[in-house]
Amino acid sequence: MKKKLSYRDKLIELANIYNVKEIQDYVKRRKNLTTGQIELILKKNKIIIPKEFKTSFFKENFVKPISKLKSNVVNYKEEKIKDKNRFFRRVENYKHDTSRKVNHGINNLWKGFGNAGLNFLNVLPKLGSTVSKFFADLFTDVFNSIYNQQIDQKSARNVIISFFVVAGITTAIIAGYKTYKDFDFSKSKIETKKPESKKQEFKKPEVKVKKETKKPEVKVKPEIKVKKETKKPELKVKEKNVAEVILPDLNLKTETVIQLFKDVDYDLRKVRNEKLVKPIYFTQFPRDLDNLQSVQLKKETFIKIVLPLIVAENEKIIDDRKKLRNLIDKKYTSDLEKQWLRQKLLEYKVKKGNLEELMVRMDIIPASIALAQAAKESGWGTSRFALEGNAIFGQWTWDGQGIAPLDRDSNKNHKILKFPILRASVKAYKNNLNTHKSYFKFREKRKKLRDSKKSISGLSLTVTLKNYAQTGSEYTKILNQIITQNDLDDFEPVKLVNSVKQVELNS
């Protein structure tokens, strides 16, 4: 291998080529000349120094060390940020645990007061019987005394009045106790009214869900057998090329959804470790998701519903990228391949058949960014737009079907775009980031990461999404906070479990 020469050695070699004796003599005498001295001698002898010598020297001795230092500083900052976020996350978990313990203690204390009250009421009949017996004996003796003229009439009158007063008080106490005992405090009567009102409220949007479940996008591989229970609805299996399991159009409660996740062993800790998620697709969020008292459980339920939808879209994009790369390398393409290519050019809004631009736009959205934006825009699946229109990314529309915001200014006419199922909302969000001119920087930075063979992480791309919200840079800070506090970057390398039948659930 040829040895790399320094800038000084190159100057000495140049002096030897032009036979500069002054420099040669110094070298023979083993006297060290500085780089500046050699340059002056060469200039004195009217020898031009090539520019390449300087640029390479500058690059090797200045540019590379500085760039290396920059990368080290960036890595150090990222590690510090991660440590900081871990600390905040621990603090938040401690707060949740503390509040849960306090609530549990208050509930136990309240139950204790209730039991004490009931015990006191149980004592009242015995106390009443004892008091009545005492006064019965007392007044028997009194009346006997009156009859026998052992006391005067004034004293007898006072005794009789006191008797009737005590008897009235005792009667009121016994009547109140019986009324309290006969009153039904059970929650069954109250609870029976709630589901009826809910059913009436949410009957309309479920008609549209049936149509969307027939689309080929919700089809999945047949592998898993769904367990049937007496309380759960029966599953209908459509006979097609790929079996499709669809639940009837019911308003599933959050309690049912959580139990379903337990039945199929869907655990986020497992997903984080194994980097695999089961393809369970919901078409809607549970209506009572916001009723969960545990914030952590609410977040986990939201992630479990949205994550498979995001991963499925990203895997579809990856398959399309492989197909496009094969077409680019091919010399000849079939009619079906040309048709597919025209369809993708139209989908990603690429003009003039620019395949390089199509490759730039046809790329994944990091799961951490998608989850963070979905959580921010939908209030972790509890907003009005998410429940009524499956709008989890808050996309605006001026001509399509949408839901008008309640706090919209009178001079504005925009709406929040609504969708028949959640999967459609995820797909529209993917198309928005990959095609709209406002997110050009997002796609550009993603391409740089792809070209440099670096991982496409959410934290490195959030800074390019200032145009997504009116708050700008403040919005990106919130996204970073959501990602780091909930460890959403753990889900970026997650893939679908291909061996499990994909189940579509209507909530």
Protein backbone atom coordinates (compact mmCIF):
# COMPACT_ATOMS: atom_id res chain seq x y z
CA MET A 1 0.00 0.00 0.00
CA LYS A 2 1.10 3.47 -0.82
CA LYS A 3 1.89 5.48 2.27
CA LYS A 4 -0.08 8.69 2.76
CA LEU A 5 2.27 11.66 2.76
CA SER A 6 1.81 14.68 4.95
CA TYR A 7 1.68 18.18 3.54
CA ARG A 8 5.33 18.82 4.58
CA ASP A 9 6.55 15.58 2.97
CA LYS A 10 4.76 16.52 -0.23
CA LEU A 11 6.55 19.87 -0.25
CA ILE A 12 9.95 18.14 0.20
CA GLU A 13 9.09 15.74 -2.63
CA LEU A 14 8.20 18.72 -4.81
CA ALA A 15 11.59 20.28 -3.99
CA ASN A 16 13.32 17.06 -5.06
CA ILE A 17 11.40 17.03 -8.35
CA TYR A 18 12.50 20.59 -9.16
CA ASN A 19 16.00 19.95 -7.72
CA VAL A 20 15.94 22.77 -5.14
CA LYS A 21 19.43 22.38 -3.66
CA GLU A 22 18.80 24.65 -0.66
CA ILE A 23 16.11 22.34 0.65
CA GLN A 24 18.05 19.19 -0.32
CA ASP A 25 21.09 20.41 1.63
CA TYR A 26 18.99 21.07 4.71
CA VAL A 27 17.51 17.58 4.48
CA LYS A 28 20.97 15.98 4.08
CA ARG A 29 22.23 17.85 7.14
CA ARG A 30 19.11 16.53 8.96
CA LYS A 31 18.01 20.00 9.84
CA ASN A 32 14.26 20.27 10.37
CA LEU A 33 12.62 22.93 8.29
CA THR A 34 9.11 24.09 9.13
CA THR A 35 6.33 23.91 6.58
CA GLY A 36 6.32 27.70 6.24
CA GLN A 37 10.08 27.82 5.61
CA ILE A 38 9.82 25.19 2.87
CA GLU A 39 6.95 27.12 1.26
CA LEU A 40 9.04 30.35 1.24
CA ILE A 41 12.03 28.63 -0.36
CA LEU A 42 9.82 27.10 -3.06
CA LYS A 43 8.14 30.46 -3.77
CA LYS A 44 11.62 32.12 -3.90
CA ASN A 45 12.57 29.58 -6.59
CA LYS A 46 9.29 30.42 -8.43
CA ILE A 47 7.80 26.96 -7.92
CA ILE A 48 3.98 26.85 -7.77
CA ILE A 49 2.55 24.79 -4.91
CA PRO A 50 -0.51 22.73 -6.05
CA LYS A 51 -3.78 23.50 -4.25
CA GLU A 52 -4.44 19.80 -3.66
CA PHE A 53 -1.64 19.72 -1.09
CA LYS A 54 -3.38 22.28 1.11
CA THR A 55 -6.90 20.95 0.80
CA SER A 56 -5.93 17.40 1.73
CA PHE A 57 -3.84 18.64 4.62
CA PHE A 58 -6.67 20.82 5.88
CA LYS A 59 -9.13 17.98 5.51
CA GLU A 60 -6.99 15.45 7.36
CA ASN A 61 -5.89 17.73 10.16
CA PHE A 62 -8.91 19.98 10.70
CA VAL A 63 -12.13 18.88 9.01
CA LYS A 64 -12.10 15.23 10.07
CA PRO A 65 -11.22 15.85 13.76
CA ILE A 66 -13.88 18.58 13.99
CA SER A 67 -16.58 16.39 12.42
CA LYS A 68 -15.61 13.53 14.73
CA LEU A 69 -15.82 15.88 17.72
CA LYS A 70 -19.26 17.07 16.57
CA SER A 71 -20.57 13.52 16.30
CA ASN A 72 -19.22 12.74 19.78
CA VAL A 73 -20.93 15.83 21.19
CA VAL A 74 -24.24 14.90 19.51
CA ASN A 75 -24.04 11.33 20.86
CA TYR A 76 -23.25 12.65 24.33
CA LYS A 77 -26.24 15.04 24.21
CA GLU A 78 -28.57 12.24 23.08
CA GLU A 79 -27.40 9.99 25.92
CA LYS A 80 -27.95 12.80 28.43
CA ILE A 81 -31.44 13.44 27.04
CA LYS A 82 -32.27 9.73 27.33
CA ASP A 83 -30.99 9.64 30.93
CA LYS A 84 -33.06 12.73 31.73
CA ASN A 85 -36.17 11.24 30.18
CA ARG A 86 -35.68 7.97 32.04
CA PHE A 87 -35.52 9.95 35.30
CA PHE A 88 -38.72 11.86 34.48
CA ARG A 89 -40.41 8.62 33.54
CA ARG A 90 -39.47 7.06 36.88
CA VAL A 91 -40.83 10.13 38.68
CA GLU A 92 -44.09 9.94 36.75
CA ASN A 93 -44.49 6.22 37.48
CA TYR A 94 -43.82 6.93 41.16
CA LYS A 95 -46.54 9.62 41.12
CA HIS A 96 -49.03 7.22 39.54
CA ASP A 97 -48.19 4.48 42.04
CA THR A 98 -48.50 6.90 44.95
CA SER A 99 -51.86 8.24 43.78
CA ARG A 100 -53.13 4.71 43.26
CA LYS A 101 -52.07 3.71 46.80
CA VAL A 102 -53.70 6.85 48.27
CA ASN A 103 -56.95 6.15 46.42
CA HIS A 104 -56.87 2.56 47.60
CA GLY A 105 -56.35 3.72 51.20
CA ILE A 106 -59.25 6.20 50.95
CA ASN A 107 -61.54 3.51 49.53
CA ASN A 108 -60.64 1.15 52.39
CA LEU A 109 -61.25 3.93 54.92
CA TRP A 110 -64.62 4.72 53.36
CA LYS A 111 -65.59 1.03 53.46
CA GLY A 112 -64.58 0.94 57.11
CA PHE A 113 -66.86 3.90 57.89
CA GLY A 114 -69.68 2.15 56.03
CA ASN A 115 -69.24 -1.07 57.98
CA ALA A 116 -69.13 0.87 61.25
CA GLY A 117 -72.36 2.64 60.29
CA LEU A 118 -74.08 -0.63 59.46
CA ASN A 119 -72.94 -2.15 62.77
CA PHE A 120 -74.35 0.84 64.59
CA LEU A 121 -77.69 0.43 62.81
CA ASN A 122 -77.70 -3.24 63.75
CA VAL A 123 -77.30 -2.26 67.39
CA LEU A 124 -80.30 0.09 67.30
CA PRO A 125 -83.02 -2.65 67.43
CA LYS A 126 -81.42 -4.24 70.50
CA LEU A 127 -81.00 -0.83 72.09
CA GLY A 128 -84.62 0.02 71.30
CA SER A 129 -85.93 -3.21 72.81
CA THR A 130 -83.86 -2.64 75.98
CA VAL A 131 -85.06 0.96 76.31
CA SER A 132 -88.70 0.02 75.67
CA LYS A 133 -88.53 -2.77 78.25
CA PHE A 134 -87.02 -0.41 80.79
CA PHE A 135 -89.68 2.26 80.26
CA ALA A 136 -92.44 -0.35 80.18
CA ASP A 137 -91.42 -1.59 83.60
CA LEU A 138 -90.96 1.96 84.82
CA PHE A 139 -94.35 3.16 83.65
CA THR A 140 -96.07 0.03 84.90
CA ASP A 141 -94.80 0.84 88.37
CA VAL A 142 -95.78 4.50 87.87
CA PHE A 143 -99.36 3.70 86.85
CA ASN A 144 -99.66 1.27 89.70
CA SER A 145 -98.50 4.01 92.05
CA ILE A 146 -101.01 6.47 90.56
CA TYR A 147 -103.77 3.96 90.91
CA ASN A 148 -102.83 3.30 94.48
CA GLN A 149 -102.61 7.12 95.07
CA GLN A 150 -98.95 6.95 96.06
CA ILE A 151 -98.06 10.13 94.09
CA ASP A 152 -99.98 13.38 93.37
CA GLN A 153 -101.70 14.24 90.06
CA LYS A 154 -99.16 16.91 88.89
CA SER A 155 -96.24 14.46 88.98
CA ALA A 156 -98.31 11.82 87.22
CA ARG A 157 -99.11 14.27 84.39
CA ASN A 158 -95.43 15.01 83.80
CA VAL A 159 -94.58 11.33 83.75
CA ILE A 160 -97.31 10.56 81.18
CA ILE A 161 -96.14 13.39 78.88
CA SER A 162 -92.54 12.17 79.01
CA PHE A 163 -93.78 8.68 78.23
CA PHE A 164 -95.48 9.78 75.01
CA VAL A 165 -92.42 11.86 73.95
CA VAL A 166 -90.06 8.90 74.40
CA ALA A 167 -92.48 6.61 72.60
CA GLY A 168 -92.67 9.03 69.61
CA ILE A 169 -88.89 9.33 69.32
CA THR A 170 -88.46 5.56 69.49
CA THR A 171 -91.13 5.05 66.80
CA ALA A 172 -89.41 7.59 64.48
CA ILE A 173 -86.03 5.86 64.87
CA ILE A 174 -87.47 2.39 64.15
CA ALA A 175 -89.40 3.68 61.10
CA GLY A 176 -86.30 5.41 59.69
CA TYR A 177 -84.23 2.24 60.10
CA LYS A 178 -86.84 0.12 58.28
CA THR A 179 -87.04 2.63 55.41
CA TYR A 180 -83.22 2.62 55.06
CA LYS A 181 -83.15 -1.18 55.12
CA ASP A 182 -85.88 -1.58 52.50
CA PHE A 183 -84.30 0.95 50.09
CA ASP A 184 -82.29 -0.70 47.29
CA PHE A 185 -78.83 0.86 47.05
CA SER A 186 -77.51 -1.59 44.45
CA LYS A 187 -76.17 -0.20 41.21
CA SER A 188 -78.04 -2.64 39.03
CA LYS A 189 -80.96 -0.27 38.40
CA ILE A 190 -78.67 2.60 37.53
CA GLU A 191 -76.42 0.56 35.30
CA THR A 192 -79.25 -0.90 33.27
CA LYS A 193 -80.14 2.56 31.98
CA LYS A 194 -76.66 3.47 30.75
CA PRO A 195 -76.14 0.89 28.03
CA GLU A 196 -79.57 1.71 26.57
CA SER A 197 -78.65 5.38 26.10
CA LYS A 198 -75.28 4.49 24.69
CA LYS A 199 -76.75 2.14 22.16
CA GLN A 200 -79.06 4.86 20.95
CA GLU A 201 -76.26 7.36 20.67
CA PHE A 202 -73.81 5.31 18.63
CA LYS A 203 -75.93 3.28 16.27
CA LYS A 204 -75.32 5.47 13.20
CA PRO A 205 -71.51 5.28 12.62
CA GLU A 206 -71.52 1.47 12.81
CA VAL A 207 -73.30 1.08 9.48
CA LYS A 208 -70.26 2.39 7.61
CA VAL A 209 -67.83 0.06 9.37
CA LYS A 210 -69.31 -3.02 7.70
CA LYS A 211 -68.49 -1.70 4.25
CA GLU A 212 -64.87 -1.04 5.08
CA THR A 213 -64.21 -4.45 6.56
CA LYS A 214 -64.71 -5.95 3.08
CA LYS A 215 -61.64 -4.15 1.73
CA PRO A 216 -58.62 -6.33 0.98
CA GLU A 217 -56.45 -4.21 3.28
CA VAL A 218 -57.94 -5.78 6.40
CA LYS A 219 -57.39 -9.36 5.20
CA VAL A 220 -54.94 -11.42 7.10
CA LYS A 221 -53.37 -14.87 7.19
CA PRO A 222 -55.39 -17.73 8.74
CA GLU A 223 -53.51 -19.29 11.58
CA ILE A 224 -55.14 -18.50 14.98
CA LYS A 225 -58.37 -20.00 16.29
CA VAL A 226 -60.46 -17.47 18.20
CA LYS A 227 -61.86 -18.82 21.47
CA LYS A 228 -65.62 -18.66 21.84
CA GLU A 229 -67.15 -17.82 25.20
CA THR A 230 -70.77 -17.70 26.22
CA LYS A 231 -70.75 -13.94 26.69
CA LYS A 232 -68.80 -13.10 23.52
CA PRO A 233 -70.38 -12.80 20.05
CA GLU A 234 -69.91 -15.55 17.50
CA LEU A 235 -67.32 -14.96 14.78
CA LYS A 236 -68.26 -15.00 11.10
CA VAL A 237 -65.61 -16.33 8.72
CA LYS A 238 -65.74 -15.25 5.09
CA GLU A 239 -64.65 -17.85 2.56
CA LYS A 240 -62.13 -16.10 0.31
CA ASN A 241 -58.59 -16.70 -0.84
CA VAL A 242 -57.45 -15.48 2.57
CA ALA A 243 -59.76 -16.14 5.53
CA GLU A 244 -61.02 -13.05 7.25
CA VAL A 245 -62.36 -13.04 10.80
CA ILE A 246 -64.74 -10.17 11.61
CA LEU A 247 -66.60 -9.43 14.82
CA PRO A 248 -70.19 -8.16 14.57
CA ASP A 249 -70.75 -4.42 14.76
CA LEU A 250 -70.89 -3.96 18.52
CA ASN A 251 -69.82 -1.18 20.86
CA LEU A 252 -67.18 -3.11 22.75
CA LYS A 253 -66.46 -1.75 26.20
CA THR A 254 -62.91 -1.05 27.32
CA GLU A 255 -63.22 -3.80 29.92
CA THR A 256 -64.00 -6.31 27.15
CA VAL A 257 -61.10 -5.09 25.01
CA ILE A 258 -58.63 -5.42 27.91
CA GLN A 259 -59.89 -8.95 28.61
CA LEU A 260 -59.50 -9.81 24.93
CA PHE A 261 -55.87 -8.67 25.02
CA LYS A 262 -55.29 -10.94 28.04
CA ASP A 263 -56.91 -13.88 26.23
CA VAL A 264 -54.59 -13.58 23.21
CA ASP A 265 -51.54 -12.80 25.42
CA TYR A 266 -51.04 -9.31 23.97
CA ASP A 267 -48.51 -7.69 26.34
CA LEU A 268 -46.51 -4.53 25.52
CA ARG A 269 -43.54 -5.68 27.62
CA LYS A 270 -43.35 -8.75 25.40
CA VAL A 271 -43.59 -6.58 22.28
CA ARG A 272 -40.76 -4.33 23.48
CA ASN A 273 -38.48 -7.32 24.12
CA GLU A 274 -39.34 -9.54 21.15
CA LYS A 275 -40.00 -6.71 18.65
CA LEU A 276 -43.07 -8.59 17.37
CA VAL A 277 -46.73 -7.55 17.53
CA LYS A 278 -49.84 -9.58 16.79
CA PRO A 279 -51.89 -8.27 13.83
CA ILE A 280 -55.12 -7.49 15.70
CA TYR A 281 -56.91 -4.69 13.87
CA PHE A 282 -59.63 -2.56 15.48
CA THR A 283 -61.93 -0.40 13.36
CA GLN A 284 -62.91 1.92 16.24
CA PHE A 285 -61.87 2.94 19.74
CA PRO A 286 -63.96 1.86 22.75
CA ARG A 287 -66.39 4.63 23.65
CA ASP A 288 -65.65 4.46 27.38
CA LEU A 289 -61.84 4.50 27.11
CA ASP A 290 -61.71 7.79 29.01
CA ASN A 291 -63.49 6.20 31.99
CA LEU A 292 -60.36 4.27 32.95
CA GLN A 293 -58.96 5.69 36.19
CA SER A 294 -55.42 4.43 35.53
CA VAL A 295 -53.62 6.75 33.09
CA GLN A 296 -51.00 4.08 32.40
CA LEU A 297 -53.63 1.47 31.51
CA LYS A 298 -55.37 3.96 29.20
CA LYS A 299 -52.10 4.67 27.35
CA GLU A 300 -51.27 0.96 27.03
CA THR A 301 -54.74 0.18 25.62
CA PHE A 302 -54.37 3.01 23.08
CA ILE A 303 -50.92 1.80 21.96
CA LYS A 304 -52.15 -1.80 21.65
CA ILE A 305 -54.95 -0.67 19.31
CA VAL A 306 -52.93 1.74 17.12
CA LEU A 307 -49.51 -0.01 16.92
CA PRO A 308 -50.55 -2.96 14.66
CA LEU A 309 -52.19 -0.54 12.21
CA ILE A 310 -48.99 1.54 11.92
CA VAL A 311 -46.71 -1.49 11.60
CA ALA A 312 -48.98 -3.00 8.92
CA GLU A 313 -48.79 0.18 6.80
CA ASN A 314 -44.99 0.38 7.19
CA GLU A 315 -44.55 -3.26 6.15
CA LYS A 316 -46.72 -2.62 3.08
CA ILE A 317 -44.46 0.33 2.19
CA ILE A 318 -41.33 -1.82 2.60
CA ASP A 319 -42.77 -4.44 0.24
CA ASP A 320 -43.58 -1.71 -2.30
CA ARG A 321 -39.99 -0.35 -2.06
CA LYS A 322 -38.56 -3.80 -2.82
CA LYS A 323 -40.87 -4.17 -5.80
CA LEU A 324 -39.96 -0.70 -7.10
CA ARG A 325 -36.23 -1.40 -6.74
CA ASN A 326 -36.63 -4.60 -8.76
CA LEU A 327 -38.52 -2.71 -11.47
CA ILE A 328 -35.80 -0.04 -11.67
CA ASP A 329 -33.14 -2.75 -12.17
CA LYS A 330 -35.21 -4.51 -14.85
CA LYS A 331 -34.69 -3.77 -18.54
CA TYR A 332 -38.18 -4.88 -19.55
CA THR A 333 -41.43 -4.65 -17.57
CA SER A 334 -44.74 -6.42 -18.07
CA ASP A 335 -48.13 -4.73 -18.50
CA LEU A 336 -49.12 -5.59 -14.93
CA GLU A 337 -45.90 -4.07 -13.60
CA LYS A 338 -46.46 -0.91 -15.63
CA GLN A 339 -50.00 -0.67 -14.31
CA TRP A 340 -48.76 -1.06 -10.72
CA LEU A 341 -46.13 1.61 -11.33
CA ARG A 342 -48.71 4.08 -12.70
CA GLN A 343 -50.88 3.44 -9.66
CA LYS A 344 -48.00 4.17 -7.25
CA LEU A 345 -46.99 7.33 -9.14
CA LEU A 346 -50.58 8.54 -8.76
CA GLU A 347 -50.77 7.52 -5.08
CA TYR A 348 -47.56 9.38 -4.14
CA LYS A 349 -48.34 12.34 -6.46
CA VAL A 350 -45.13 12.01 -8.49
CA LYS A 351 -45.21 13.64 -11.93
CA LYS A 352 -43.36 12.78 -15.17
CA GLY A 353 -42.53 9.24 -14.09
CA ASN A 354 -39.70 10.36 -11.76
CA LEU A 355 -38.80 7.01 -10.13
CA GLU A 356 -36.08 8.54 -7.93
CA GLU A 357 -38.60 10.91 -6.38
CA LEU A 358 -41.05 8.03 -6.00
CA MET A 359 -38.39 6.08 -4.05
CA VAL A 360 -37.86 9.10 -1.77
CA ARG A 361 -41.56 9.46 -1.01
CA MET A 362 -42.27 5.75 -0.75
CA ASP A 363 -40.76 5.20 2.70
CA ILE A 364 -41.83 4.37 6.24
CA ILE A 365 -43.06 6.65 9.01
CA PRO A 366 -41.27 5.77 12.29
CA ALA A 367 -43.72 4.11 14.68
CA SER A 368 -42.63 6.42 17.52
CA ILE A 369 -43.63 9.56 15.57
CA ALA A 370 -46.94 8.04 14.40
CA LEU A 371 -47.87 6.94 17.94
CA ALA A 372 -46.85 10.29 19.47
CA GLN A 373 -48.85 12.31 16.92
CA ALA A 374 -51.86 10.01 17.26
CA ALA A 375 -51.74 10.37 21.07
CA LYS A 376 -51.39 14.18 20.86
CA GLU A 377 -54.11 14.77 18.25
CA SER A 378 -56.67 12.29 19.64
CA GLY A 379 -56.09 12.70 23.39
CA TRP A 380 -54.95 9.06 23.61
CA GLY A 381 -58.06 7.91 21.71
CA THR A 382 -60.63 9.84 23.79
CA SER A 383 -61.32 12.98 21.70
CA ARG A 384 -64.64 13.67 19.97
CA PHE A 385 -62.98 13.47 16.55
CA ALA A 386 -61.47 10.04 17.34
CA LEU A 387 -64.73 8.56 18.69
CA GLU A 388 -67.14 10.03 16.13
CA GLY A 389 -64.96 10.03 13.01
CA ASN A 390 -61.94 7.73 13.67
CA ALA A 391 -59.76 10.82 13.14
CA ILE A 392 -56.65 10.13 15.19
CA PHE A 393 -54.23 12.52 13.44
CA GLY A 394 -56.35 15.70 13.30
CA GLN A 395 -56.10 16.23 9.52
CA TRP A 396 -58.00 19.25 8.14
CA THR A 397 -60.34 19.30 5.14
CA TRP A 398 -62.29 22.02 3.33
CA ASP A 399 -64.32 19.97 0.87
CA GLY A 400 -64.44 16.38 2.22
CA GLN A 401 -66.57 14.80 4.94
CA GLY A 402 -65.53 16.05 8.33
CA ILE A 403 -66.43 17.16 11.84
CA ALA A 404 -66.56 20.90 12.62
CA PRO A 405 -64.47 21.92 15.68
CA LEU A 406 -66.49 23.47 18.48
CA ASP A 407 -63.95 26.27 19.08
CA ARG A 408 -63.56 27.14 15.35
CA ASP A 409 -63.40 30.85 14.49
CA SER A 410 -66.40 32.30 12.67
CA ASN A 411 -64.25 33.34 9.67
CA LYS A 412 -62.93 29.78 9.14
CA ASN A 413 -64.70 26.86 7.47
CA HIS A 414 -62.30 23.95 7.91
CA LYS A 415 -63.31 20.57 9.33
CA ILE A 416 -61.49 17.58 10.81
CA LEU A 417 -61.41 14.82 8.21
CA LYS A 418 -63.42 11.75 9.30
CA PHE A 419 -62.85 8.11 8.29
CA PRO A 420 -64.96 4.93 8.26
CA ILE A 421 -62.27 2.88 10.10
CA LEU A 422 -59.01 3.55 11.97
CA ARG A 423 -56.86 1.91 9.27
CA ALA A 424 -58.07 4.51 6.75
CA SER A 425 -56.96 7.32 9.08
CA VAL A 426 -53.47 5.78 9.38
CA LYS A 427 -53.19 5.41 5.60
CA ALA A 428 -54.26 9.03 4.98
CA TYR A 429 -51.70 10.20 7.56
CA LYS A 430 -48.96 8.22 5.78
CA ASN A 431 -49.89 9.72 2.42
CA ASN A 432 -49.98 13.22 3.93
CA LEU A 433 -46.39 13.08 5.28
CA ASN A 434 -45.09 11.39 2.12
CA THR A 435 -46.67 13.74 -0.43
CA HIS A 436 -47.47 17.19 0.97
CA LYS A 437 -45.03 20.02 0.23
CA SER A 438 -45.07 21.13 3.89
CA TYR A 439 -43.15 17.98 4.87
CA PHE A 440 -40.42 18.17 2.23
CA LYS A 441 -37.75 18.57 4.95
CA PHE A 442 -39.09 15.47 6.69
CA ARG A 443 -38.64 13.38 3.53
CA GLU A 444 -35.26 14.96 2.76
CA LYS A 445 -33.80 14.17 6.19
CA ARG A 446 -35.29 10.66 6.08
CA LYS A 447 -33.51 10.08 2.73
CA LYS A 448 -30.18 11.26 4.22
CA LEU A 449 -30.56 8.79 7.07
CA ARG A 450 -31.44 6.06 4.58
CA ASP A 451 -28.45 6.86 2.32
CA SER A 452 -26.01 6.93 5.25
CA LYS A 453 -27.40 3.54 6.40
CA LYS A 454 -28.54 4.98 9.72
CA SER A 455 -31.73 3.99 11.53
CA ILE A 456 -34.77 6.15 10.72
CA SER A 457 -35.66 7.20 14.25
CA GLY A 458 -38.51 9.40 15.36
CA LEU A 459 -36.44 11.67 17.63
CA SER A 460 -34.19 12.65 14.72
CA LEU A 461 -37.16 13.57 12.49
CA THR A 462 -39.56 15.39 14.84
CA VAL A 463 -37.75 18.72 14.28
CA THR A 464 -38.92 18.64 10.62
CA LEU A 465 -42.65 18.57 11.56
CA LYS A 466 -43.03 22.23 12.62
CA ASN A 467 -45.62 22.79 9.91
CA TYR A 468 -47.94 20.07 11.22
CA ALA A 469 -49.41 22.36 13.90
CA GLN A 470 -49.82 26.11 14.36
CA THR A 471 -47.59 26.04 17.47
CA GLY A 472 -44.53 25.16 15.35
CA SER A 473 -41.41 24.29 17.36
CA GLU A 474 -43.45 23.98 20.57
CA TYR A 475 -45.37 21.16 18.89
CA THR A 476 -42.15 19.27 18.10
CA LYS A 477 -41.02 19.61 21.72
CA ILE A 478 -44.28 18.02 22.87
CA LEU A 479 -43.78 15.14 20.42
CA ASN A 480 -40.25 14.53 21.77
CA GLN A 481 -41.62 14.57 25.30
CA ILE A 482 -44.33 12.01 24.48
CA ILE A 483 -41.82 9.72 22.73
CA THR A 484 -39.25 9.80 25.52
CA GLN A 485 -41.63 9.64 28.50
CA ASN A 486 -43.44 6.60 27.07
CA ASP A 487 -40.40 4.88 25.44
CA LEU A 488 -42.16 4.88 22.06
CA ASP A 489 -38.83 4.48 20.24
CA ASP A 490 -38.85 0.86 21.49
CA PHE A 491 -41.57 0.15 18.91
CA GLU A 492 -39.63 1.40 15.84
CA PRO A 493 -38.12 -2.00 14.88
CA VAL A 494 -41.36 -3.92 15.68
CA LYS A 495 -42.75 -6.26 12.98
CA LEU A 496 -45.98 -8.23 12.57
CA VAL A 497 -46.23 -11.85 13.64
CA ASN A 498 -46.87 -13.63 10.34
CA SER A 499 -47.84 -16.91 11.95
CA VAL A 500 -50.90 -15.44 13.64
CA LYS A 501 -54.26 -15.00 11.89
CA GLN A 502 -55.11 -11.32 11.57
CA VAL A 503 -58.38 -10.50 13.33
CA GLU A 504 -60.40 -7.39 12.60
CA LEU A 505 -62.38 -6.07 15.54
CA ASN A 506 -65.22 -3.56 15.52
CA SER A 507 -65.53 -1.63 18.73
